[in-house]
Amino acid sequence: MPYKKIKDYVYDCLICQTPCDGKSKKVYLFENDVIFAEKQENLIIKKLQTKGYDAHKCTRDSYPDIAIKKENKIIQYLEVKAQRRTFMSIQRFLPNSKLTPSETVALNLSDLLRYFDIYKKDKIPISIIWVLQNRPCIVEDNKSKYFYQTIEVLQQIYNKNKYNRVFRRKTGKGDVVDGIHKGVVVNYHFSLRELKLWNI
């Protein structure tokens, strides 16, 4: 049975034959997410370099992952976010968000607010790239799709919706690495309909 599409990136999850796992099981593998994200960063850097861009891993602390330079001057930052899980209960926990599971992607709230500040201070464009996997109504098995948006547009969405889209989850196994809590527990949520598809 095909997926029932309601509108772009919005599907009827109630009748889905291959439902995404909506149970966290209190396991959040921070280290696995970091490894996956770093692989994606390297892939994106190589793709940009083959297209003639001077793209490299950003070395500034707390700045986005990738810096693009022109004549040895940074002209843009890119932040890469892995999105391999689906917030299946978003309509129950965040009803005022008006988001559905299939369209929803997340971003660490503290990162989002930090990038707002960096852009305000440096006036250098920043874009967030989500690497979407494990959502069969949108992405084929073992494949990825890339979605992006500028920090300016994301801030407009944030200012409009504020805390209707913020969710704090409980700490779970995998959040703590070497005695330090590193897992993301407070996320801000966007719709894929608010982003642009990047055919990398």
N, C-alpha and C. Protein backbone atom coordinates (compact mmCIF):
# COMPACT_ATOMS: atom_id res chain seq x y z
N MET A 1 0.84 -1.20 0.00
CA MET A 1 0.00 0.00 0.00
C MET A 1 0.87 1.24 0.00
N PRO A 2 0.66 2.17 -0.93
CA PRO A 2 1.49 3.38 -0.98
C PRO A 2 1.20 4.28 0.21
N TYR A 3 2.16 5.17 0.48
CA TYR A 3 1.96 6.13 1.56
C TYR A 3 0.90 7.15 1.16
N LYS A 4 0.04 7.49 2.11
CA LYS A 4 -1.03 8.45 1.82
C LYS A 4 -0.52 9.87 2.06
N LYS A 5 -0.30 10.55 0.96
CA LYS A 5 0.22 11.91 1.01
C LYS A 5 -0.92 12.91 1.17
N ILE A 6 -0.80 13.78 2.16
CA ILE A 6 -1.80 14.82 2.39
C ILE A 6 -1.38 16.11 1.70
N LYS A 7 -0.11 16.46 1.87
CA LYS A 7 0.52 17.57 1.14
C LYS A 7 2.02 17.36 1.22
N ASP A 8 2.79 18.24 0.67
CA ASP A 8 4.24 18.04 0.63
C ASP A 8 4.80 17.69 2.01
N TYR A 9 5.44 16.51 2.07
CA TYR A 9 6.10 16.01 3.27
C TYR A 9 5.16 15.69 4.43
N VAL A 10 3.87 15.76 4.21
CA VAL A 10 2.90 15.43 5.24
C VAL A 10 2.15 14.18 4.81
N TYR A 11 2.29 13.10 5.60
CA TYR A 11 1.66 11.82 5.28
C TYR A 11 0.78 11.36 6.45
N ASP A 12 -0.16 10.51 6.15
CA ASP A 12 -1.03 9.96 7.19
C ASP A 12 -0.30 8.82 7.89
N CYS A 13 0.28 9.11 9.06
CA CYS A 13 1.06 8.12 9.79
C CYS A 13 0.20 7.02 10.39
N LEU A 14 -1.10 7.28 10.58
CA LEU A 14 -1.98 6.31 11.22
C LEU A 14 -2.19 5.06 10.37
N ILE A 15 -2.09 5.20 9.05
CA ILE A 15 -2.32 4.05 8.18
C ILE A 15 -1.03 3.56 7.53
N CYS A 16 0.10 4.08 7.99
CA CYS A 16 1.40 3.73 7.39
C CYS A 16 1.72 2.25 7.63
N GLN A 17 2.19 1.58 6.58
CA GLN A 17 2.56 0.17 6.67
C GLN A 17 4.00 -0.02 7.17
N THR A 18 4.80 1.04 7.13
CA THR A 18 6.18 0.96 7.61
C THR A 18 6.43 2.10 8.59
N PRO A 19 5.71 2.10 9.72
CA PRO A 19 5.79 3.24 10.65
C PRO A 19 7.19 3.43 11.22
N CYS A 20 7.55 4.69 11.40
CA CYS A 20 8.80 5.01 12.07
C CYS A 20 8.66 4.66 13.55
N ASP A 21 9.77 4.36 14.20
CA ASP A 21 9.73 3.97 15.60
C ASP A 21 9.50 5.22 16.45
N GLY A 22 8.33 5.31 17.08
CA GLY A 22 8.01 6.47 17.89
C GLY A 22 8.38 6.30 19.35
N LYS A 23 8.99 5.16 19.71
CA LYS A 23 9.36 4.92 21.10
C LYS A 23 10.87 5.11 21.27
N SER A 24 11.24 6.06 22.09
CA SER A 24 12.66 6.38 22.27
C SER A 24 13.41 5.28 23.01
N LYS A 25 12.69 4.51 23.83
CA LYS A 25 13.31 3.49 24.68
C LYS A 25 14.34 4.10 25.61
N LYS A 26 14.30 5.43 25.77
CA LYS A 26 15.23 6.16 26.64
C LYS A 26 16.69 5.93 26.23
N VAL A 27 16.93 5.62 24.95
CA VAL A 27 18.29 5.41 24.46
C VAL A 27 18.59 6.46 23.40
N TYR A 28 19.62 7.27 23.64
CA TYR A 28 20.01 8.33 22.71
C TYR A 28 21.51 8.20 22.50
N LEU A 29 21.92 7.66 21.37
CA LEU A 29 23.33 7.34 21.16
C LEU A 29 24.09 8.56 20.63
N PHE A 30 24.51 9.41 21.57
CA PHE A 30 25.18 10.65 21.22
C PHE A 30 26.42 10.40 20.37
N GLU A 31 27.25 9.44 20.78
CA GLU A 31 28.48 9.18 20.06
C GLU A 31 28.21 8.73 18.63
N ASN A 32 27.19 7.87 18.44
CA ASN A 32 26.83 7.42 17.09
C ASN A 32 26.39 8.59 16.23
N ASP A 33 25.61 9.49 16.81
CA ASP A 33 25.14 10.66 16.07
C ASP A 33 26.31 11.55 15.66
N VAL A 34 27.28 11.71 16.55
CA VAL A 34 28.45 12.53 16.24
C VAL A 34 29.25 11.93 15.09
N ILE A 35 29.46 10.62 15.14
CA ILE A 35 30.21 9.94 14.07
C ILE A 35 29.49 10.08 12.74
N PHE A 36 28.17 9.88 12.75
CA PHE A 36 27.38 10.01 11.52
C PHE A 36 27.47 11.43 10.98
N ALA A 37 27.31 12.42 11.86
CA ALA A 37 27.33 13.82 11.43
C ALA A 37 28.69 14.20 10.85
N GLU A 38 29.76 13.71 11.46
CA GLU A 38 31.10 14.03 10.96
C GLU A 38 31.33 13.43 9.58
N LYS A 39 30.81 12.23 9.35
CA LYS A 39 30.92 11.62 8.01
C LYS A 39 30.18 12.47 6.99
N GLN A 40 29.00 12.96 7.38
CA GLN A 40 28.22 13.79 6.48
C GLN A 40 28.92 15.13 6.22
N GLU A 41 29.53 15.70 7.25
CA GLU A 41 30.29 16.94 7.08
C GLU A 41 31.39 16.75 6.04
N ASN A 42 32.15 15.66 6.17
CA ASN A 42 33.24 15.39 5.25
C ASN A 42 32.73 15.18 3.82
N LEU A 43 31.60 14.49 3.70
CA LEU A 43 31.00 14.27 2.38
C LEU A 43 30.59 15.59 1.74
N ILE A 44 29.95 16.46 2.53
CA ILE A 44 29.50 17.75 2.01
C ILE A 44 30.69 18.62 1.63
N ILE A 45 31.74 18.61 2.46
CA ILE A 45 32.95 19.38 2.14
C ILE A 45 33.54 18.93 0.81
N LYS A 46 33.65 17.60 0.62
CA LYS A 46 34.21 17.08 -0.63
C LYS A 46 33.34 17.45 -1.83
N LYS A 47 32.02 17.36 -1.66
CA LYS A 47 31.11 17.73 -2.75
C LYS A 47 31.29 19.20 -3.12
N LEU A 48 31.39 20.06 -2.12
CA LEU A 48 31.56 21.49 -2.38
C LEU A 48 32.90 21.77 -3.05
N GLN A 49 33.93 21.07 -2.61
CA GLN A 49 35.26 21.27 -3.20
C GLN A 49 35.29 20.84 -4.66
N THR A 50 34.58 19.76 -4.99
CA THR A 50 34.55 19.32 -6.40
C THR A 50 33.81 20.31 -7.28
N LYS A 51 32.95 21.14 -6.65
CA LYS A 51 32.23 22.17 -7.40
C LYS A 51 32.97 23.51 -7.40
N GLY A 52 34.20 23.49 -6.87
CA GLY A 52 35.03 24.68 -6.94
C GLY A 52 34.99 25.59 -5.72
N TYR A 53 34.29 25.17 -4.66
CA TYR A 53 34.21 25.99 -3.46
C TYR A 53 35.39 25.71 -2.53
N ASP A 54 35.88 26.74 -1.87
CA ASP A 54 36.94 26.60 -0.88
C ASP A 54 36.28 26.31 0.47
N ALA A 55 35.91 25.06 0.66
CA ALA A 55 35.16 24.64 1.85
C ALA A 55 36.04 23.79 2.75
N HIS A 56 36.00 24.08 4.06
CA HIS A 56 36.83 23.37 5.02
C HIS A 56 36.09 23.27 6.36
N LYS A 57 36.56 22.34 7.19
CA LYS A 57 36.04 22.21 8.55
C LYS A 57 36.34 23.50 9.30
N CYS A 58 35.33 24.07 9.94
CA CYS A 58 35.51 25.31 10.68
C CYS A 58 36.26 25.01 11.98
N THR A 59 37.27 25.81 12.29
CA THR A 59 38.10 25.58 13.48
C THR A 59 37.73 26.49 14.65
N ARG A 60 36.79 27.40 14.46
CA ARG A 60 36.40 28.32 15.53
C ARG A 60 35.46 27.62 16.51
N ASP A 61 35.74 27.72 17.77
CA ASP A 61 34.97 27.04 18.80
C ASP A 61 33.53 27.55 18.83
N SER A 62 32.57 26.60 18.86
CA SER A 62 31.14 26.88 18.96
C SER A 62 30.54 27.48 17.69
N TYR A 63 31.31 27.52 16.61
CA TYR A 63 30.80 28.01 15.33
C TYR A 63 30.27 26.84 14.52
N PRO A 64 29.52 27.11 13.44
CA PRO A 64 29.02 26.01 12.59
C PRO A 64 30.14 25.13 12.06
N ASP A 65 29.77 23.97 11.53
CA ASP A 65 30.72 22.92 11.18
C ASP A 65 31.65 23.27 10.02
N ILE A 66 31.12 23.95 9.02
CA ILE A 66 31.87 24.15 7.77
C ILE A 66 31.99 25.64 7.46
N ALA A 67 33.17 26.05 7.03
CA ALA A 67 33.39 27.43 6.59
C ALA A 67 33.72 27.43 5.10
N ILE A 68 33.08 28.32 4.36
CA ILE A 68 33.37 28.49 2.93
C ILE A 68 34.08 29.83 2.76
N LYS A 69 35.23 29.78 2.08
CA LYS A 69 36.05 30.98 1.93
C LYS A 69 36.13 31.43 0.46
N LYS A 70 36.39 32.71 0.29
CA LYS A 70 36.68 33.28 -1.02
C LYS A 70 37.80 34.29 -0.81
N GLU A 71 38.89 34.08 -1.53
CA GLU A 71 40.08 34.93 -1.37
C GLU A 71 40.51 34.98 0.10
N ASN A 72 40.49 33.79 0.72
CA ASN A 72 40.94 33.59 2.10
C ASN A 72 40.09 34.31 3.15
N LYS A 73 38.87 34.67 2.76
CA LYS A 73 37.94 35.32 3.68
C LYS A 73 36.67 34.48 3.77
N ILE A 74 36.20 34.22 4.99
CA ILE A 74 34.99 33.41 5.17
C ILE A 74 33.78 34.17 4.66
N ILE A 75 33.03 33.52 3.77
CA ILE A 75 31.85 34.16 3.20
C ILE A 75 30.56 33.47 3.60
N GLN A 76 30.67 32.25 4.18
CA GLN A 76 29.46 31.53 4.62
C GLN A 76 29.84 30.40 5.56
N TYR A 77 28.92 30.12 6.50
CA TYR A 77 29.05 28.97 7.39
C TYR A 77 27.91 27.99 7.10
N LEU A 78 28.21 26.69 7.28
CA LEU A 78 27.20 25.65 7.16
C LEU A 78 27.23 24.78 8.41
N GLU A 79 26.07 24.51 8.97
CA GLU A 79 25.96 23.59 10.11
C GLU A 79 25.22 22.35 9.65
N VAL A 80 25.77 21.17 9.94
CA VAL A 80 25.20 19.90 9.49
C VAL A 80 24.54 19.18 10.66
N LYS A 81 23.28 18.82 10.50
CA LYS A 81 22.55 18.13 11.55
C LYS A 81 22.00 16.79 11.05
N ALA A 82 22.28 15.73 11.79
CA ALA A 82 21.73 14.42 11.46
C ALA A 82 20.29 14.33 11.93
N GLN A 83 19.42 13.82 11.08
CA GLN A 83 18.00 13.62 11.46
C GLN A 83 17.62 12.21 11.08
N ARG A 84 17.86 11.28 12.04
CA ARG A 84 17.60 9.86 11.77
C ARG A 84 16.44 9.31 12.58
N ARG A 85 15.89 10.13 13.47
CA ARG A 85 14.73 9.71 14.25
C ARG A 85 13.55 10.62 13.94
N THR A 86 12.36 10.12 14.21
CA THR A 86 11.14 10.86 13.91
C THR A 86 10.36 11.09 15.21
N PHE A 87 9.95 12.32 15.42
CA PHE A 87 9.19 12.69 16.62
C PHE A 87 7.73 12.31 16.38
N MET A 88 7.41 11.02 16.59
CA MET A 88 6.10 10.51 16.25
C MET A 88 4.98 11.08 17.14
N SER A 89 5.33 11.53 18.33
CA SER A 89 4.31 12.03 19.26
C SER A 89 4.25 13.55 19.31
N ILE A 90 4.74 14.22 18.29
CA ILE A 90 4.78 15.67 18.33
C ILE A 90 3.39 16.29 18.44
N GLN A 91 2.39 15.67 17.82
CA GLN A 91 1.04 16.24 17.88
C GLN A 91 0.43 16.13 19.27
N ARG A 92 0.92 15.16 20.04
CA ARG A 92 0.44 14.99 21.42
C ARG A 92 1.17 15.94 22.37
N PHE A 93 2.49 16.05 22.21
CA PHE A 93 3.28 16.86 23.14
C PHE A 93 3.32 18.34 22.76
N LEU A 94 3.25 18.63 21.45
CA LEU A 94 3.30 20.02 20.99
C LEU A 94 2.14 20.31 20.04
N PRO A 95 0.91 20.24 20.52
CA PRO A 95 -0.24 20.43 19.63
C PRO A 95 -0.29 21.81 18.99
N ASN A 96 0.23 22.83 19.69
CA ASN A 96 0.20 24.18 19.14
C ASN A 96 1.25 24.42 18.06
N SER A 97 2.14 23.45 17.89
CA SER A 97 3.15 23.59 16.83
C SER A 97 2.53 23.44 15.44
N LYS A 98 1.39 22.70 15.41
CA LYS A 98 0.70 22.40 14.15
C LYS A 98 1.61 21.63 13.17
N LEU A 99 2.53 20.86 13.73
CA LEU A 99 3.43 20.03 12.92
C LEU A 99 3.00 18.58 13.01
N THR A 100 3.30 17.81 11.97
CA THR A 100 3.03 16.37 11.93
C THR A 100 4.36 15.62 11.93
N PRO A 101 4.37 14.35 12.32
CA PRO A 101 5.63 13.62 12.43
C PRO A 101 6.44 13.57 11.14
N SER A 102 5.80 13.30 10.03
CA SER A 102 6.56 13.09 8.79
C SER A 102 7.30 14.33 8.32
N GLU A 103 6.78 15.50 8.65
CA GLU A 103 7.40 16.74 8.16
C GLU A 103 8.41 17.35 9.13
N THR A 104 8.49 16.82 10.35
CA THR A 104 9.21 17.49 11.42
C THR A 104 10.69 17.13 11.47
N VAL A 105 11.52 18.15 11.62
CA VAL A 105 12.95 17.97 11.91
C VAL A 105 13.28 18.81 13.12
N ALA A 106 14.37 18.44 13.80
CA ALA A 106 14.71 19.09 15.06
C ALA A 106 16.10 19.72 15.01
N LEU A 107 16.31 20.68 15.90
CA LEU A 107 17.61 21.32 16.06
C LEU A 107 17.77 21.68 17.53
N ASN A 108 18.92 21.41 18.08
CA ASN A 108 19.24 21.78 19.45
C ASN A 108 18.94 23.27 19.65
N LEU A 109 18.08 23.59 20.60
CA LEU A 109 17.67 24.98 20.82
C LEU A 109 18.86 25.88 21.15
N SER A 110 19.77 25.40 21.97
CA SER A 110 20.92 26.23 22.34
C SER A 110 21.80 26.53 21.13
N ASP A 111 21.93 25.55 20.23
CA ASP A 111 22.69 25.79 18.99
C ASP A 111 22.00 26.85 18.14
N LEU A 112 20.69 26.71 18.00
CA LEU A 112 19.92 27.65 17.19
C LEU A 112 20.10 29.08 17.69
N LEU A 113 19.94 29.27 18.99
CA LEU A 113 20.07 30.60 19.56
C LEU A 113 21.49 31.13 19.43
N ARG A 114 22.47 30.23 19.54
CA ARG A 114 23.87 30.65 19.38
C ARG A 114 24.16 31.11 17.96
N TYR A 115 23.57 30.42 16.98
CA TYR A 115 23.80 30.82 15.58
C TYR A 115 23.11 32.15 15.27
N PHE A 116 21.97 32.40 15.91
CA PHE A 116 21.35 33.71 15.77
C PHE A 116 22.32 34.80 16.22
N ASP A 117 22.97 34.57 17.37
CA ASP A 117 23.90 35.54 17.93
C ASP A 117 25.14 35.71 17.05
N ILE A 118 25.66 34.60 16.53
CA ILE A 118 26.84 34.66 15.66
C ILE A 118 26.54 35.45 14.40
N TYR A 119 25.39 35.19 13.81
CA TYR A 119 25.01 35.92 12.60
C TYR A 119 24.84 37.42 12.88
N LYS A 120 24.23 37.72 14.00
CA LYS A 120 24.02 39.13 14.38
C LYS A 120 25.36 39.83 14.58
N LYS A 121 26.34 39.13 15.15
CA LYS A 121 27.64 39.71 15.45
C LYS A 121 28.54 39.79 14.22
N ASP A 122 28.61 38.69 13.44
CA ASP A 122 29.58 38.61 12.35
C ASP A 122 29.03 39.05 11.00
N LYS A 123 27.70 39.01 10.86
CA LYS A 123 27.06 39.37 9.59
C LYS A 123 27.54 38.49 8.42
N ILE A 124 27.90 37.25 8.73
CA ILE A 124 28.29 36.27 7.71
C ILE A 124 27.16 35.25 7.58
N PRO A 125 26.67 34.99 6.36
CA PRO A 125 25.54 34.06 6.19
C PRO A 125 25.79 32.69 6.82
N ILE A 126 24.75 32.15 7.42
CA ILE A 126 24.79 30.80 8.01
C ILE A 126 23.60 30.03 7.47
N SER A 127 23.84 28.80 7.07
CA SER A 127 22.75 27.90 6.67
C SER A 127 22.85 26.61 7.48
N ILE A 128 21.69 26.06 7.85
CA ILE A 128 21.62 24.78 8.54
C ILE A 128 21.21 23.72 7.53
N ILE A 129 21.93 22.60 7.51
CA ILE A 129 21.63 21.48 6.61
C ILE A 129 21.21 20.28 7.46
N TRP A 130 20.02 19.77 7.20
CA TRP A 130 19.55 18.55 7.85
C TRP A 130 19.76 17.37 6.92
N VAL A 131 20.38 16.30 7.43
CA VAL A 131 20.57 15.07 6.67
C VAL A 131 19.49 14.09 7.14
N LEU A 132 18.50 13.87 6.29
CA LEU A 132 17.33 13.08 6.68
C LEU A 132 17.49 11.62 6.25
N GLN A 133 17.27 10.71 7.21
CA GLN A 133 17.29 9.27 6.94
C GLN A 133 16.17 8.60 7.74
N ASN A 134 15.91 7.32 7.39
CA ASN A 134 14.98 6.47 8.16
C ASN A 134 13.57 7.03 8.22
N ARG A 135 13.14 7.65 7.13
CA ARG A 135 11.77 8.13 7.04
C ARG A 135 11.24 7.68 5.67
N PRO A 136 10.79 6.43 5.58
CA PRO A 136 10.54 5.80 4.28
C PRO A 136 9.49 6.47 3.41
N CYS A 137 8.60 7.25 3.99
CA CYS A 137 7.63 7.96 3.15
C CYS A 137 8.29 9.08 2.35
N ILE A 138 9.49 9.48 2.77
CA ILE A 138 10.18 10.60 2.13
C ILE A 138 11.54 10.21 1.56
N VAL A 139 12.24 9.30 2.26
CA VAL A 139 13.59 8.91 1.87
C VAL A 139 13.64 7.41 1.64
N GLU A 140 14.24 6.98 0.54
CA GLU A 140 14.39 5.56 0.25
C GLU A 140 15.31 4.91 1.29
N ASP A 141 15.14 3.60 1.49
CA ASP A 141 15.98 2.87 2.43
C ASP A 141 17.45 3.05 2.11
N ASN A 142 18.25 3.24 3.17
CA ASN A 142 19.70 3.39 3.05
C ASN A 142 20.13 4.58 2.19
N LYS A 143 19.25 5.54 2.07
CA LYS A 143 19.57 6.76 1.33
C LYS A 143 19.42 7.96 2.25
N SER A 144 19.90 9.10 1.79
CA SER A 144 19.77 10.35 2.55
C SER A 144 19.19 11.42 1.65
N LYS A 145 18.49 12.35 2.27
CA LYS A 145 18.07 13.58 1.58
C LYS A 145 18.56 14.76 2.41
N TYR A 146 18.90 15.82 1.71
CA TYR A 146 19.48 16.99 2.36
C TYR A 146 18.53 18.18 2.21
N PHE A 147 18.23 18.80 3.35
CA PHE A 147 17.37 19.97 3.38
C PHE A 147 18.12 21.11 4.07
N TYR A 148 17.91 22.33 3.60
CA TYR A 148 18.64 23.45 4.20
C TYR A 148 17.75 24.69 4.29
N GLN A 149 18.21 25.61 5.12
CA GLN A 149 17.57 26.92 5.20
C GLN A 149 18.56 27.90 5.82
N THR A 150 18.42 29.18 5.49
CA THR A 150 19.30 30.21 6.04
C THR A 150 18.89 30.54 7.47
N ILE A 151 19.84 31.03 8.23
CA ILE A 151 19.55 31.36 9.62
C ILE A 151 18.57 32.53 9.70
N GLU A 152 18.57 33.39 8.72
CA GLU A 152 17.62 34.51 8.71
C GLU A 152 16.18 34.01 8.66
N VAL A 153 15.91 33.08 7.75
CA VAL A 153 14.56 32.53 7.62
C VAL A 153 14.19 31.72 8.87
N LEU A 154 15.14 30.95 9.38
CA LEU A 154 14.87 30.16 10.59
C LEU A 154 14.55 31.06 11.78
N GLN A 155 15.20 32.21 11.85
CA GLN A 155 14.90 33.13 12.95
C GLN A 155 13.51 33.74 12.80
N GLN A 156 13.09 33.99 11.59
CA GLN A 156 11.73 34.49 11.36
C GLN A 156 10.70 33.46 11.83
N ILE A 157 10.96 32.19 11.52
CA ILE A 157 10.06 31.10 11.94
C ILE A 157 10.06 30.99 13.46
N TYR A 158 11.24 31.08 14.05
CA TYR A 158 11.36 31.01 15.51
C TYR A 158 10.61 32.16 16.18
N ASN A 159 10.78 33.36 15.67
CA ASN A 159 10.12 34.53 16.27
C ASN A 159 8.60 34.43 16.17
N LYS A 160 8.13 33.80 15.11
CA LYS A 160 6.69 33.66 14.92
C LYS A 160 6.10 32.60 15.84
N ASN A 161 6.83 31.50 16.05
CA ASN A 161 6.27 30.36 16.77
C ASN A 161 6.77 30.22 18.21
N LYS A 162 7.93 30.77 18.49
CA LYS A 162 8.53 30.73 19.82
C LYS A 162 8.43 29.34 20.45
N TYR A 163 7.89 29.28 21.68
CA TYR A 163 7.95 28.03 22.44
C TYR A 163 6.85 27.03 22.11
N ASN A 164 6.05 27.32 21.11
CA ASN A 164 5.10 26.30 20.63
C ASN A 164 5.83 25.12 20.01
N ARG A 165 7.10 25.32 19.68
CA ARG A 165 7.85 24.26 18.99
C ARG A 165 9.04 23.75 19.80
N VAL A 166 9.08 24.06 21.06
CA VAL A 166 10.18 23.62 21.93
C VAL A 166 9.76 22.40 22.73
N PHE A 167 10.62 21.38 22.75
CA PHE A 167 10.33 20.18 23.54
C PHE A 167 11.57 19.75 24.30
N ARG A 168 11.37 19.50 25.59
CA ARG A 168 12.45 18.99 26.44
C ARG A 168 12.17 17.53 26.77
N ARG A 169 13.07 16.66 26.37
CA ARG A 169 12.89 15.24 26.68
C ARG A 169 13.68 14.88 27.92
N LYS A 170 13.39 13.68 28.45
CA LYS A 170 14.12 13.19 29.61
C LYS A 170 15.50 12.69 29.19
N THR A 171 16.43 12.78 30.10
CA THR A 171 17.77 12.23 29.85
C THR A 171 17.69 10.72 29.76
N GLY A 172 18.44 10.15 28.83
CA GLY A 172 18.41 8.70 28.65
C GLY A 172 19.80 8.13 28.46
N LYS A 173 19.85 6.82 28.31
CA LYS A 173 21.11 6.12 28.10
C LYS A 173 21.78 6.63 26.83
N GLY A 174 23.07 6.93 26.91
CA GLY A 174 23.81 7.41 25.76
C GLY A 174 24.02 8.91 25.77
N ASP A 175 23.26 9.63 26.62
CA ASP A 175 23.44 11.08 26.73
C ASP A 175 24.74 11.43 27.44
N VAL A 176 25.14 10.57 28.39
CA VAL A 176 26.32 10.85 29.20
C VAL A 176 27.52 10.09 28.63
N VAL A 177 28.58 10.84 28.29
CA VAL A 177 29.79 10.25 27.73
C VAL A 177 30.97 10.63 28.63
N ASP A 178 31.66 9.62 29.17
CA ASP A 178 32.80 9.85 30.07
C ASP A 178 32.42 10.77 31.23
N GLY A 179 31.21 10.58 31.75
CA GLY A 179 30.77 11.34 32.90
C GLY A 179 30.25 12.72 32.60
N ILE A 180 30.21 13.09 31.31
CA ILE A 180 29.74 14.42 30.92
C ILE A 180 28.47 14.29 30.11
N HIS A 181 27.44 15.08 30.47
CA HIS A 181 26.17 15.05 29.73
C HIS A 181 26.35 15.81 28.42
N LYS A 182 26.23 15.08 27.29
CA LYS A 182 26.44 15.70 25.98
C LYS A 182 25.22 15.61 25.08
N GLY A 183 24.28 14.74 25.41
CA GLY A 183 23.11 14.57 24.56
C GLY A 183 22.21 15.80 24.55
N VAL A 184 21.54 15.98 23.44
CA VAL A 184 20.61 17.11 23.29
C VAL A 184 19.28 16.75 23.93
N VAL A 185 18.81 17.57 24.86
CA VAL A 185 17.52 17.28 25.51
C VAL A 185 16.46 18.35 25.20
N VAL A 186 16.88 19.52 24.74
CA VAL A 186 15.92 20.57 24.40
C VAL A 186 16.06 20.91 22.92
N ASN A 187 15.01 20.62 22.16
CA ASN A 187 15.03 20.82 20.71
C ASN A 187 14.00 21.84 20.26
N TYR A 188 14.33 22.50 19.15
CA TYR A 188 13.36 23.33 18.46
C TYR A 188 13.01 22.62 17.16
N HIS A 189 11.76 22.74 16.72
CA HIS A 189 11.30 21.94 15.58
C HIS A 189 10.85 22.80 14.41
N PHE A 190 11.20 22.31 13.23
CA PHE A 190 10.83 22.95 11.97
C PHE A 190 10.13 21.94 11.07
N SER A 191 9.47 22.46 10.05
CA SER A 191 8.83 21.62 9.05
C SER A 191 9.71 21.54 7.81
N LEU A 192 9.75 20.38 7.19
CA LEU A 192 10.45 20.26 5.91
C LEU A 192 9.87 21.21 4.87
N ARG A 193 8.60 21.56 5.04
CA ARG A 193 7.96 22.51 4.11
C ARG A 193 8.54 23.92 4.25
N GLU A 194 9.24 24.17 5.36
CA GLU A 194 9.87 25.46 5.58
C GLU A 194 11.32 25.48 5.10
N LEU A 195 11.80 24.32 4.66
CA LEU A 195 13.18 24.18 4.21
C LEU A 195 13.23 23.99 2.70
N LYS A 196 14.46 23.95 2.18
CA LYS A 196 14.65 23.72 0.74
C LYS A 196 15.41 22.41 0.55
N LEU A 197 15.01 21.65 -0.44
CA LEU A 197 15.69 20.41 -0.78
C LEU A 197 16.99 20.72 -1.50
N TRP A 198 18.08 20.12 -1.04
CA TRP A 198 19.38 20.35 -1.66
C TRP A 198 19.80 19.08 -2.39
N ASN A 199 19.88 19.13 -3.69
CA ASN A 199 20.32 17.99 -4.49
C ASN A 199 21.85 18.01 -4.56
N ILE A 200 22.46 17.51 -3.50
CA ILE A 200 23.90 17.56 -3.38
C ILE A 200 24.59 16.69 -4.42
